[in-house]
Amino acid sequence: MTASGEHVNGFDKQKAYQAQEEEGQKFFDDGREIDLLHFVLNKPDRASIRGSPQKVLDAIDEYARTKKYLMNVGDQKGKIVCDLIRDRKPRLMIELGSYIGYSAILFGATMRNTGGSRYFSIERNPEFAAVTMALVDLAGLYDIVKIIIGSSAECIKRLHADASFGGKIDMMFLDHYKPAYVADVKLCESLGLIGPGTVLAADNVIKPGNPPYLEYVRSSVEEKRKKLDQDGSKATETASFDKRWRNQYEERVGEEKLDAEQLGNPNLVYESRLIHSYEPTGVPDGIEITECLA
């Protein structure tokens, strides 16, 4: 278990997205996602965009830079994960949190270029999933990217129960409901989906931050066992998150109920490091890269 920090080059302000709306204002799920789809599909050069993942990403970026903020991973943090995919060449990758499909297109295309075969993107909001499906189809990635609709825990269990799924996850990208990061990793551990060689890439560990997740993946086996003996499962702990993020989906799904019984597998050995980067708005953020060693 280690936790070191790495930095990437500075942010190009000319590529900045529109600023994220202030607290108290909606910054997603207010119609902008459907508006984005119309924006992309109505572009005059749509014929040239079809089948080109990069051109679809460029169109999404154009909307977010000139119209409204979108909570995408962006090209700068996205490059960190793409470099990881090129290095590790995963065959099977899972994404928690599709949103409008930016990362599914970016990482799915990179996976296909490196010999990967299946990219599962999980999204709880059916409207966001529909936008993702349309844009993935436009990008020509439907042969590798599959969208699964439902809560992260529900979909993970469904995939595990599917005999064709294939067992252990090679790589996972976490970019969904922040308090669910630990609960979902523990669920994957309990189901045997995480094992030696699995790599986790977690977004937004600086903005808005995710102290419970960083504590978990940076803890030694002994520390995890001790915490489990003392406190039981802390997978549902949300107190360390600001109300804006804790109640992010309250309007749609009501009070979040994470799995309080999920204990995970404290015997797994992780090596973890933080790579500093930027949100597409230019706000500092980072990706936590964690590998299961044993």
C-alpha atoms as a PDB file:
ATOM      1  CA  MET A   1       0.000   0.000   0.000  1.00  0.00           C
ATOM      2  CA  THR A   2       1.396   3.350  -1.083  1.00  0.00           C
ATOM      3  CA  ALA A   3      -0.024   6.772  -1.844  1.00  0.00           C
ATOM      4  CA  SER A   4       2.104   9.128  -3.887  1.00  0.00           C
ATOM      5  CA  GLY A   5       1.222  12.209  -5.913  1.00  0.00           C
ATOM      6  CA  GLU A   6       2.027  12.806  -9.578  1.00  0.00           C
ATOM      7  CA  HIS A   7       1.336  15.969 -11.563  1.00  0.00           C
ATOM      8  CA  VAL A   8       0.397  16.667 -15.166  1.00  0.00           C
ATOM      9  CA  ASN A   9       1.048  19.797 -17.194  1.00  0.00           C
ATOM     10  CA  GLY A  10      -0.901  23.028 -16.666  1.00  0.00           C
ATOM     11  CA  PHE A  11      -4.421  23.642 -17.886  1.00  0.00           C
ATOM     12  CA  ASP A  12      -5.191  25.323 -21.234  1.00  0.00           C
ATOM     13  CA  LYS A  13      -7.798  27.972 -20.351  1.00  0.00           C
ATOM     14  CA  GLN A  14      -8.876  28.257 -23.979  1.00  0.00           C
ATOM     15  CA  LYS A  15     -10.296  24.729 -23.684  1.00  0.00           C
ATOM     16  CA  ALA A  16     -12.204  25.409 -20.459  1.00  0.00           C
ATOM     17  CA  TYR A  17     -15.815  24.342 -20.100  1.00  0.00           C
ATOM     18  CA  GLN A  18     -18.429  26.776 -18.902  1.00  0.00           C
ATOM     19  CA  ALA A  19     -18.164  27.137 -15.114  1.00  0.00           C
ATOM     20  CA  GLN A  20     -20.125  24.716 -12.999  1.00  0.00           C
ATOM     21  CA  GLU A  21     -23.182  26.403 -11.498  1.00  0.00           C
ATOM     22  CA  GLU A  22     -22.952  27.612  -7.921  1.00  0.00           C
ATOM     23  CA  GLU A  23     -24.448  25.755  -4.966  1.00  0.00           C
ATOM     24  CA  GLY A  24     -28.213  26.003  -4.986  1.00  0.00           C
ATOM     25  CA  GLN A  25     -28.314  25.982  -8.789  1.00  0.00           C
ATOM     26  CA  LYS A  26     -28.755  22.858 -10.892  1.00  0.00           C
ATOM     27  CA  PHE A  27     -25.645  21.782 -12.760  1.00  0.00           C
ATOM     28  CA  PHE A  28     -27.109  18.669 -14.372  1.00  0.00           C
ATOM     29  CA  ASP A  29     -30.453  16.962 -15.082  1.00  0.00           C
ATOM     30  CA  ASP A  30     -32.195  20.191 -16.081  1.00  0.00           C
ATOM     31  CA  GLY A  31     -32.609  19.375 -19.768  1.00  0.00           C
ATOM     32  CA  ARG A  32     -29.056  20.193 -20.821  1.00  0.00           C
ATOM     33  CA  GLU A  33     -28.275  16.523 -21.531  1.00  0.00           C
ATOM     34  CA  ILE A  34     -31.098  16.245 -24.083  1.00  0.00           C
ATOM     35  CA  ASP A  35     -30.136  19.667 -25.441  1.00  0.00           C
ATOM     36  CA  LEU A  36     -26.609  18.343 -25.949  1.00  0.00           C
ATOM     37  CA  LEU A  37     -27.916  15.418 -27.980  1.00  0.00           C
ATOM     38  CA  HIS A  38     -29.865  17.745 -30.263  1.00  0.00           C
ATOM     39  CA  PHE A  39     -26.796  19.985 -30.560  1.00  0.00           C
ATOM     40  CA  VAL A  40     -24.595  17.092 -31.708  1.00  0.00           C
ATOM     41  CA  LEU A  41     -27.141  15.437 -33.995  1.00  0.00           C
ATOM     42  CA  ASN A  42     -28.068  18.736 -35.658  1.00  0.00           C
ATOM     43  CA  LYS A  43     -24.536  19.761 -36.534  1.00  0.00           C
ATOM     44  CA  PRO A  44     -24.153  20.459 -40.279  1.00  0.00           C
ATOM     45  CA  ASP A  45     -21.207  18.050 -40.522  1.00  0.00           C
ATOM     46  CA  ARG A  46     -22.998  15.186 -38.773  1.00  0.00           C
ATOM     47  CA  ALA A  47     -22.229  12.801 -41.640  1.00  0.00           C
ATOM     48  CA  SER A  48     -18.501  13.276 -41.077  1.00  0.00           C
ATOM     49  CA  ILE A  49     -18.921  12.865 -37.325  1.00  0.00           C
ATOM     50  CA  ARG A  50     -20.590   9.452 -37.621  1.00  0.00           C
ATOM     51  CA  GLY A  51     -18.136   6.667 -36.893  1.00  0.00           C
ATOM     52  CA  SER A  52     -15.516   9.013 -35.418  1.00  0.00           C
ATOM     53  CA  PRO A  53     -15.212   8.834 -31.620  1.00  0.00           C
ATOM     54  CA  GLN A  54     -12.912  11.872 -31.559  1.00  0.00           C
ATOM     55  CA  LYS A  55     -15.306  14.045 -33.565  1.00  0.00           C
ATOM     56  CA  VAL A  56     -18.182  13.094 -31.265  1.00  0.00           C
ATOM     57  CA  LEU A  57     -16.037  14.044 -28.253  1.00  0.00           C
ATOM     58  CA  ASP A  58     -15.111  17.314 -29.959  1.00  0.00           C
ATOM     59  CA  ALA A  59     -18.797  18.119 -30.451  1.00  0.00           C
ATOM     60  CA  ILE A  60     -19.552  17.366 -26.781  1.00  0.00           C
ATOM     61  CA  ASP A  61     -16.646  19.578 -25.724  1.00  0.00           C
ATOM     62  CA  GLU A  62     -17.881  22.356 -28.008  1.00  0.00           C
ATOM     63  CA  TYR A  63     -21.286  22.319 -26.306  1.00  0.00           C
ATOM     64  CA  ALA A  64     -19.745  22.373 -22.820  1.00  0.00           C
ATOM     65  CA  ARG A  65     -17.410  25.228 -23.748  1.00  0.00           C
ATOM     66  CA  THR A  66     -19.989  27.413 -25.485  1.00  0.00           C
ATOM     67  CA  LYS A  67     -23.389  26.448 -24.020  1.00  0.00           C
ATOM     68  CA  LYS A  68     -23.617  24.806 -20.596  1.00  0.00           C
ATOM     69  CA  TYR A  69     -21.348  22.967 -18.196  1.00  0.00           C
ATOM     70  CA  LEU A  70     -21.318  19.152 -18.430  1.00  0.00           C
ATOM     71  CA  MET A  71     -19.928  16.949 -15.658  1.00  0.00           C
ATOM     72  CA  ASN A  72     -17.583  14.990 -17.940  1.00  0.00           C
ATOM     73  CA  VAL A  73     -14.139  13.643 -17.082  1.00  0.00           C
ATOM     74  CA  GLY A  74     -12.727  15.929 -19.811  1.00  0.00           C
ATOM     75  CA  ASP A  75      -9.743  15.424 -22.062  1.00  0.00           C
ATOM     76  CA  GLN A  76      -7.027  16.140 -19.495  1.00  0.00           C
ATOM     77  CA  LYS A  77      -8.094  13.680 -16.797  1.00  0.00           C
ATOM     78  CA  GLY A  78      -9.297  11.406 -19.586  1.00  0.00           C
ATOM     79  CA  LYS A  79      -5.760  11.176 -20.944  1.00  0.00           C
ATOM     80  CA  ILE A  80      -4.584   9.766 -17.602  1.00  0.00           C
ATOM     81  CA  VAL A  81      -7.011   6.872 -17.913  1.00  0.00           C
ATOM     82  CA  CYS A  82      -6.359   6.415 -21.653  1.00  0.00           C
ATOM     83  CA  ASP A  83      -2.620   6.128 -20.970  1.00  0.00           C
ATOM     84  CA  LEU A  84      -3.428   3.542 -18.317  1.00  0.00           C
ATOM     85  CA  ILE A  85      -5.581   1.581 -20.780  1.00  0.00           C
ATOM     86  CA  ARG A  86      -2.791   1.633 -23.366  1.00  0.00           C
ATOM     87  CA  ASP A  87      -0.327   0.406 -20.751  1.00  0.00           C
ATOM     88  CA  ARG A  88      -2.482  -2.310 -19.165  1.00  0.00           C
ATOM     89  CA  LYS A  89      -4.541  -3.340 -22.223  1.00  0.00           C
ATOM     90  CA  PRO A  90      -7.669  -4.467 -20.334  1.00  0.00           C
ATOM     91  CA  ARG A  91      -9.983  -6.940 -22.040  1.00  0.00           C
ATOM     92  CA  LEU A  92     -12.921  -6.202 -19.723  1.00  0.00           C
ATOM     93  CA  MET A  93     -13.610  -2.759 -18.265  1.00  0.00           C
ATOM     94  CA  ILE A  94     -16.502  -1.407 -16.191  1.00  0.00           C
ATOM     95  CA  GLU A  95     -17.499   2.215 -15.768  1.00  0.00           C
ATOM     96  CA  LEU A  96     -19.722   3.354 -12.908  1.00  0.00           C
ATOM     97  CA  GLY A  97     -21.568   6.471 -14.069  1.00  0.00           C
ATOM     98  CA  SER A  98     -22.076   6.974 -17.827  1.00  0.00           C
ATOM     99  CA  TYR A  99     -23.677  10.416 -17.615  1.00  0.00           C
ATOM    100  CA  ILE A 100     -23.852  11.440 -21.319  1.00  0.00           C
ATOM    101  CA  GLY A 101     -21.257   8.957 -22.566  1.00  0.00           C
ATOM    102  CA  TYR A 102     -18.103  11.064 -22.805  1.00  0.00           C
ATOM    103  CA  SER A 103     -15.884   8.630 -20.909  1.00  0.00           C
ATOM    104  CA  ALA A 104     -17.557   5.574 -22.474  1.00  0.00           C
ATOM    105  CA  ILE A 105     -16.658   6.924 -25.921  1.00  0.00           C
ATOM    106  CA  LEU A 106     -13.146   8.036 -24.947  1.00  0.00           C
ATOM    107  CA  PHE A 107     -12.189   4.893 -23.043  1.00  0.00           C
ATOM    108  CA  GLY A 108     -14.171   2.500 -25.233  1.00  0.00           C
ATOM    109  CA  ALA A 109     -12.349   3.742 -28.344  1.00  0.00           C
ATOM    110  CA  THR A 110      -8.978   3.464 -26.589  1.00  0.00           C
ATOM    111  CA  MET A 111      -9.820  -0.049 -25.409  1.00  0.00           C
ATOM    112  CA  ARG A 112     -10.809  -1.134 -28.902  1.00  0.00           C
ATOM    113  CA  ASN A 113      -7.541   0.234 -30.294  1.00  0.00           C
ATOM    114  CA  THR A 114      -5.552  -1.775 -27.732  1.00  0.00           C
ATOM    115  CA  GLY A 115      -7.358  -5.079 -28.293  1.00  0.00           C
ATOM    116  CA  GLY A 116     -10.030  -4.856 -25.581  1.00  0.00           C
ATOM    117  CA  SER A 117     -13.333  -6.583 -26.146  1.00  0.00           C
ATOM    118  CA  ARG A 118     -15.982  -5.336 -23.671  1.00  0.00           C
ATOM    119  CA  TYR A 119     -16.690  -2.029 -21.964  1.00  0.00           C
ATOM    120  CA  PHE A 120     -19.715  -1.981 -19.651  1.00  0.00           C
ATOM    121  CA  SER A 121     -20.995   1.477 -18.703  1.00  0.00           C
ATOM    122  CA  ILE A 122     -23.488   1.601 -15.819  1.00  0.00           C
ATOM    123  CA  GLU A 123     -25.948   4.484 -15.527  1.00  0.00           C
ATOM    124  CA  ARG A 124     -28.914   4.807 -13.158  1.00  0.00           C
ATOM    125  CA  ASN A 125     -30.713   7.643 -14.992  1.00  0.00           C
ATOM    126  CA  PRO A 126     -32.556   6.240 -18.048  1.00  0.00           C
ATOM    127  CA  GLU A 127     -32.507   9.600 -19.850  1.00  0.00           C
ATOM    128  CA  PHE A 128     -28.731   9.892 -19.454  1.00  0.00           C
ATOM    129  CA  ALA A 129     -28.400   6.274 -20.575  1.00  0.00           C
ATOM    130  CA  ALA A 130     -30.452   7.027 -23.697  1.00  0.00           C
ATOM    131  CA  VAL A 131     -28.216   9.993 -24.550  1.00  0.00           C
ATOM    132  CA  THR A 132     -25.160   7.796 -23.999  1.00  0.00           C
ATOM    133  CA  MET A 133     -26.545   5.069 -26.251  1.00  0.00           C
ATOM    134  CA  ALA A 134     -27.241   7.552 -29.052  1.00  0.00           C
ATOM    135  CA  LEU A 135     -23.782   9.118 -28.861  1.00  0.00           C
ATOM    136  CA  VAL A 136     -22.000   5.753 -28.553  1.00  0.00           C
ATOM    137  CA  ASP A 137     -23.881   4.631 -31.664  1.00  0.00           C
ATOM    138  CA  LEU A 138     -22.929   7.846 -33.473  1.00  0.00           C
ATOM    139  CA  ALA A 139     -19.287   7.219 -32.544  1.00  0.00           C
ATOM    140  CA  GLY A 140     -19.456   3.714 -34.017  1.00  0.00           C
ATOM    141  CA  LEU A 141     -18.622   1.966 -30.749  1.00  0.00           C
ATOM    142  CA  TYR A 142     -21.663  -0.226 -30.250  1.00  0.00           C
ATOM    143  CA  ASP A 143     -19.564  -3.335 -30.909  1.00  0.00           C
ATOM    144  CA  ILE A 144     -17.584  -2.837 -27.683  1.00  0.00           C
ATOM    145  CA  VAL A 145     -19.553  -0.446 -25.411  1.00  0.00           C
ATOM    146  CA  LYS A 146     -22.677  -1.748 -23.664  1.00  0.00           C
ATOM    147  CA  ILE A 147     -24.858   0.489 -21.482  1.00  0.00           C
ATOM    148  CA  ILE A 148     -26.435  -1.083 -18.382  1.00  0.00           C
ATOM    149  CA  ILE A 149     -29.320   0.839 -16.786  1.00  0.00           C
ATOM    150  CA  GLY A 150     -29.876   0.710 -13.035  1.00  0.00           C
ATOM    151  CA  SER A 151     -28.168   1.480  -9.742  1.00  0.00           C
ATOM    152  CA  SER A 152     -24.492   0.593  -9.593  1.00  0.00           C
ATOM    153  CA  ALA A 153     -24.945  -2.146  -6.985  1.00  0.00           C
ATOM    154  CA  GLU A 154     -27.894  -3.684  -8.832  1.00  0.00           C
ATOM    155  CA  CYS A 155     -26.038  -3.704 -12.158  1.00  0.00           C
ATOM    156  CA  ILE A 156     -22.829  -5.116 -10.673  1.00  0.00           C
ATOM    157  CA  LYS A 157     -24.843  -8.014  -9.227  1.00  0.00           C
ATOM    158  CA  ARG A 158     -26.605  -8.553 -12.564  1.00  0.00           C
ATOM    159  CA  LEU A 159     -23.326  -8.663 -14.451  1.00  0.00           C
ATOM    160  CA  HIS A 160     -21.832 -11.066 -11.917  1.00  0.00           C
ATOM    161  CA  ALA A 161     -24.831 -13.382 -12.302  1.00  0.00           C
ATOM    162  CA  ASP A 162     -24.497 -13.396 -16.098  1.00  0.00           C
ATOM    163  CA  ALA A 163     -22.569 -16.520 -17.083  1.00  0.00           C
ATOM    164  CA  SER A 164     -21.182 -14.749 -20.165  1.00  0.00           C
ATOM    165  CA  PHE A 165     -19.700 -11.876 -18.158  1.00  0.00           C
ATOM    166  CA  GLY A 166     -16.328 -13.510 -17.721  1.00  0.00           C
ATOM    167  CA  GLY A 167     -15.374 -13.087 -14.065  1.00  0.00           C
ATOM    168  CA  LYS A 168     -12.661 -10.720 -12.878  1.00  0.00           C
ATOM    169  CA  ILE A 169     -12.675  -7.070 -13.934  1.00  0.00           C
ATOM    170  CA  ASP A 170      -9.452  -5.899 -15.568  1.00  0.00           C
ATOM    171  CA  MET A 171     -10.147  -2.202 -15.032  1.00  0.00           C
ATOM    172  CA  MET A 172     -12.849  -0.084 -13.406  1.00  0.00           C
ATOM    173  CA  PHE A 173     -13.527   3.653 -13.746  1.00  0.00           C
ATOM    174  CA  LEU A 174     -15.485   5.157 -10.842  1.00  0.00           C
ATOM    175  CA  ASP A 175     -17.275   8.414 -11.595  1.00  0.00           C
ATOM    176  CA  HIS A 176     -20.762   8.063 -10.115  1.00  0.00           C
ATOM    177  CA  TYR A 177     -22.366   8.874  -6.747  1.00  0.00           C
ATOM    178  CA  LYS A 178     -19.334   9.711  -4.607  1.00  0.00           C
ATOM    179  CA  PRO A 179     -20.440   8.084  -1.304  1.00  0.00           C
ATOM    180  CA  ALA A 180     -21.002   4.814  -3.236  1.00  0.00           C
ATOM    181  CA  TYR A 181     -17.351   4.396  -4.275  1.00  0.00           C
ATOM    182  CA  VAL A 182     -16.361   2.357  -1.209  1.00  0.00           C
ATOM    183  CA  ALA A 183     -19.623   0.390  -1.083  1.00  0.00           C
ATOM    184  CA  ASP A 184     -19.314  -0.640  -4.734  1.00  0.00           C
ATOM    185  CA  VAL A 185     -15.647  -1.567  -4.482  1.00  0.00           C
ATOM    186  CA  LYS A 186     -16.471  -3.707  -1.443  1.00  0.00           C
ATOM    187  CA  LEU A 187     -19.324  -5.328  -3.375  1.00  0.00           C
ATOM    188  CA  CYS A 188     -16.971  -6.173  -6.248  1.00  0.00           C
ATOM    189  CA  GLU A 189     -14.455  -7.566  -3.763  1.00  0.00           C
ATOM    190  CA  SER A 190     -17.103  -9.764  -2.129  1.00  0.00           C
ATOM    191  CA  LEU A 191     -18.214 -11.110  -5.519  1.00  0.00           C
ATOM    192  CA  GLY A 192     -14.650 -11.899  -6.578  1.00  0.00           C
ATOM    193  CA  LEU A 193     -14.720  -9.343  -9.398  1.00  0.00           C
ATOM    194  CA  ILE A 194     -11.607  -7.593  -8.067  1.00  0.00           C
ATOM    195  CA  GLY A 195      -8.420  -9.606  -7.765  1.00  0.00           C
ATOM    196  CA  PRO A 196      -4.694  -9.449  -8.494  1.00  0.00           C
ATOM    197  CA  GLY A 197      -4.168  -7.355 -11.611  1.00  0.00           C
ATOM    198  CA  THR A 198      -7.408  -5.371 -11.371  1.00  0.00           C
ATOM    199  CA  VAL A 199      -6.856  -1.619 -11.718  1.00  0.00           C
ATOM    200  CA  LEU A 200      -9.248   0.995 -10.330  1.00  0.00           C
ATOM    201  CA  ALA A 201      -9.307   4.592 -11.600  1.00  0.00           C
ATOM    202  CA  ALA A 202     -11.376   6.901  -9.386  1.00  0.00           C
ATOM    203  CA  ASP A 203     -12.356  10.385 -10.534  1.00  0.00           C
ATOM    204  CA  ASN A 204     -13.094  13.465  -8.395  1.00  0.00           C
ATOM    205  CA  VAL A 205     -10.956  12.476  -5.422  1.00  0.00           C
ATOM    206  CA  ILE A 206      -9.920  16.134  -4.983  1.00  0.00           C
ATOM    207  CA  LYS A 207     -13.043  17.915  -6.282  1.00  0.00           C
ATOM    208  CA  PRO A 208     -15.374  17.351  -4.538  1.00  0.00           C
ATOM    209  CA  GLY A 209     -13.097  14.863  -2.764  1.00  0.00           C
ATOM    210  CA  ASN A 210     -13.635  11.363  -1.421  1.00  0.00           C
ATOM    211  CA  PRO A 211     -11.868  10.816   1.931  1.00  0.00           C
ATOM    212  CA  PRO A 212     -13.521   7.440   2.712  1.00  0.00           C
ATOM    213  CA  TYR A 213     -12.454   6.000  -0.634  1.00  0.00           C
ATOM    214  CA  LEU A 214      -8.873   7.258  -0.377  1.00  0.00           C
ATOM    215  CA  GLU A 215      -8.622   5.891   3.155  1.00  0.00           C
ATOM    216  CA  TYR A 216      -9.870   2.496   2.027  1.00  0.00           C
ATOM    217  CA  VAL A 217      -7.647   1.956  -1.030  1.00  0.00           C
ATOM    218  CA  ARG A 218      -4.592   3.356   0.754  1.00  0.00           C
ATOM    219  CA  SER A 219      -4.983   1.179   3.857  1.00  0.00           C
ATOM    220  CA  SER A 220      -2.896  -1.921   4.476  1.00  0.00           C
ATOM    221  CA  VAL A 221      -4.497  -5.321   5.011  1.00  0.00           C
ATOM    222  CA  GLU A 222      -3.785  -4.997   8.734  1.00  0.00           C
ATOM    223  CA  GLU A 223      -5.413  -1.551   8.885  1.00  0.00           C
ATOM    224  CA  LYS A 224      -8.502  -2.759   7.039  1.00  0.00           C
ATOM    225  CA  ARG A 225      -8.852  -5.815   9.269  1.00  0.00           C
ATOM    226  CA  LYS A 226      -8.484  -3.706  12.402  1.00  0.00           C
ATOM    227  CA  LYS A 227     -11.080  -1.182  11.221  1.00  0.00           C
ATOM    228  CA  LEU A 228     -13.485  -3.954  10.319  1.00  0.00           C
ATOM    229  CA  ASP A 229     -13.072  -5.575  13.740  1.00  0.00           C
ATOM    230  CA  GLN A 230     -13.565  -2.270  15.531  1.00  0.00           C
ATOM    231  CA  ASP A 231     -16.292  -0.591  13.509  1.00  0.00           C
ATOM    232  CA  GLY A 232     -17.838  -3.132  11.162  1.00  0.00           C
ATOM    233  CA  SER A 233     -18.685  -1.982   7.651  1.00  0.00           C
ATOM    234  CA  LYS A 234     -18.364   1.749   6.954  1.00  0.00           C
ATOM    235  CA  ALA A 235     -19.464   1.350   3.347  1.00  0.00           C
ATOM    236  CA  THR A 236     -22.522   3.548   3.906  1.00  0.00           C
ATOM    237  CA  GLU A 237     -20.721   6.441   5.588  1.00  0.00           C
ATOM    238  CA  THR A 238     -21.789   9.715   3.949  1.00  0.00           C
ATOM    239  CA  ALA A 239     -21.154  12.273   6.698  1.00  0.00           C
ATOM    240  CA  SER A 240     -17.800  13.329   5.225  1.00  0.00           C
ATOM    241  CA  PHE A 241     -19.494  14.518   2.012  1.00  0.00           C
ATOM    242  CA  ASP A 242     -20.911  17.987   1.507  1.00  0.00           C
ATOM    243  CA  LYS A 243     -24.710  18.092   1.271  1.00  0.00           C
ATOM    244  CA  ARG A 244     -24.540  19.051  -2.405  1.00  0.00           C
ATOM    245  CA  TRP A 245     -22.887  15.741  -3.244  1.00  0.00           C
ATOM    246  CA  ARG A 246     -24.542  13.649  -0.553  1.00  0.00           C
ATOM    247  CA  ASN A 247     -28.003  14.593  -1.831  1.00  0.00           C
ATOM    248  CA  GLN A 248     -27.058  14.917  -5.495  1.00  0.00           C
ATOM    249  CA  TYR A 249     -29.738  12.533  -6.770  1.00  0.00           C
ATOM    250  CA  GLU A 250     -32.331  13.053  -4.042  1.00  0.00           C
ATOM    251  CA  GLU A 251     -34.830  14.703  -6.387  1.00  0.00           C
ATOM    252  CA  ARG A 252     -34.940  11.607  -8.606  1.00  0.00           C
ATOM    253  CA  VAL A 253     -34.420   8.671  -6.235  1.00  0.00           C
ATOM    254  CA  GLY A 254     -35.071  10.037  -2.758  1.00  0.00           C
ATOM    255  CA  GLU A 255     -32.763   9.221   0.133  1.00  0.00           C
ATOM    256  CA  GLU A 256     -29.774   7.123  -0.899  1.00  0.00           C
ATOM    257  CA  LYS A 257     -29.590   3.685   0.709  1.00  0.00           C
ATOM    258  CA  LEU A 258     -26.218   2.004   0.320  1.00  0.00           C
ATOM    259  CA  ASP A 259     -25.529  -1.585   1.343  1.00  0.00           C
ATOM    260  CA  ALA A 260     -24.783  -1.517   5.077  1.00  0.00           C
ATOM    261  CA  GLU A 261     -23.901  -5.218   5.147  1.00  0.00           C
ATOM    262  CA  GLN A 262     -21.156  -5.083   2.541  1.00  0.00           C
ATOM    263  CA  LEU A 263     -17.822  -5.939   4.209  1.00  0.00           C
ATOM    264  CA  GLY A 264     -15.662  -6.490   1.125  1.00  0.00           C
ATOM    265  CA  ASN A 265     -12.437  -8.458   1.250  1.00  0.00           C
ATOM    266  CA  PRO A 266      -9.930  -6.780   3.581  1.00  0.00           C
ATOM    267  CA  ASN A 267      -7.255  -9.306   2.589  1.00  0.00           C
ATOM    268  CA  LEU A 268      -6.726  -7.762  -0.848  1.00  0.00           C
ATOM    269  CA  VAL A 269      -3.472  -5.808  -1.144  1.00  0.00           C
ATOM    270  CA  TYR A 270      -3.665  -2.486  -2.981  1.00  0.00           C
ATOM    271  CA  GLU A 271      -1.038  -0.080  -4.263  1.00  0.00           C
ATOM    272  CA  SER A 272      -2.471   3.382  -4.857  1.00  0.00           C
ATOM    273  CA  ARG A 273      -1.275   6.708  -6.216  1.00  0.00           C
ATOM    274  CA  LEU A 274      -2.851  10.056  -6.952  1.00  0.00           C
ATOM    275  CA  ILE A 275      -2.289  11.797 -10.269  1.00  0.00           C
ATOM    276  CA  HIS A 276      -3.122  15.485 -10.045  1.00  0.00           C
ATOM    277  CA  SER A 277      -4.949  17.043 -12.962  1.00  0.00           C
ATOM    278  CA  TYR A 278      -7.844  19.397 -13.740  1.00  0.00           C
ATOM    279  CA  GLU A 279     -11.564  19.345 -14.184  1.00  0.00           C
ATOM    280  CA  PRO A 280     -12.517  20.454 -17.732  1.00  0.00           C
ATOM    281  CA  THR A 281     -13.458  23.807 -16.167  1.00  0.00           C
ATOM    282  CA  GLY A 282      -9.848  24.284 -15.033  1.00  0.00           C
ATOM    283  CA  VAL A 283     -10.490  23.534 -11.347  1.00  0.00           C
ATOM    284  CA  PRO A 284      -7.775  21.273  -9.845  1.00  0.00           C
ATOM    285  CA  ASP A 285      -8.769  17.636  -9.391  1.00  0.00           C
ATOM    286  CA  GLY A 286      -7.133  14.239  -9.624  1.00  0.00           C
ATOM    287  CA  ILE A 287      -7.472  10.553 -10.479  1.00  0.00           C
ATOM    288  CA  GLU A 288      -6.614   7.920  -7.885  1.00  0.00           C
ATOM    289  CA  ILE A 289      -5.055   4.895  -9.611  1.00  0.00           C
ATOM    290  CA  THR A 290      -5.199   1.718  -7.522  1.00  0.00           C
ATOM    291  CA  GLU A 291      -3.889  -1.717  -8.448  1.00  0.00           C
ATOM    292  CA  CYS A 292      -4.757  -4.935  -6.661  1.00  0.00           C
ATOM    293  CA  LEU A 293      -1.455  -6.736  -6.111  1.00  0.00           C
ATOM    294  CA  ALA A 294      -2.447  -9.826  -4.145  1.00  0.00           C
END
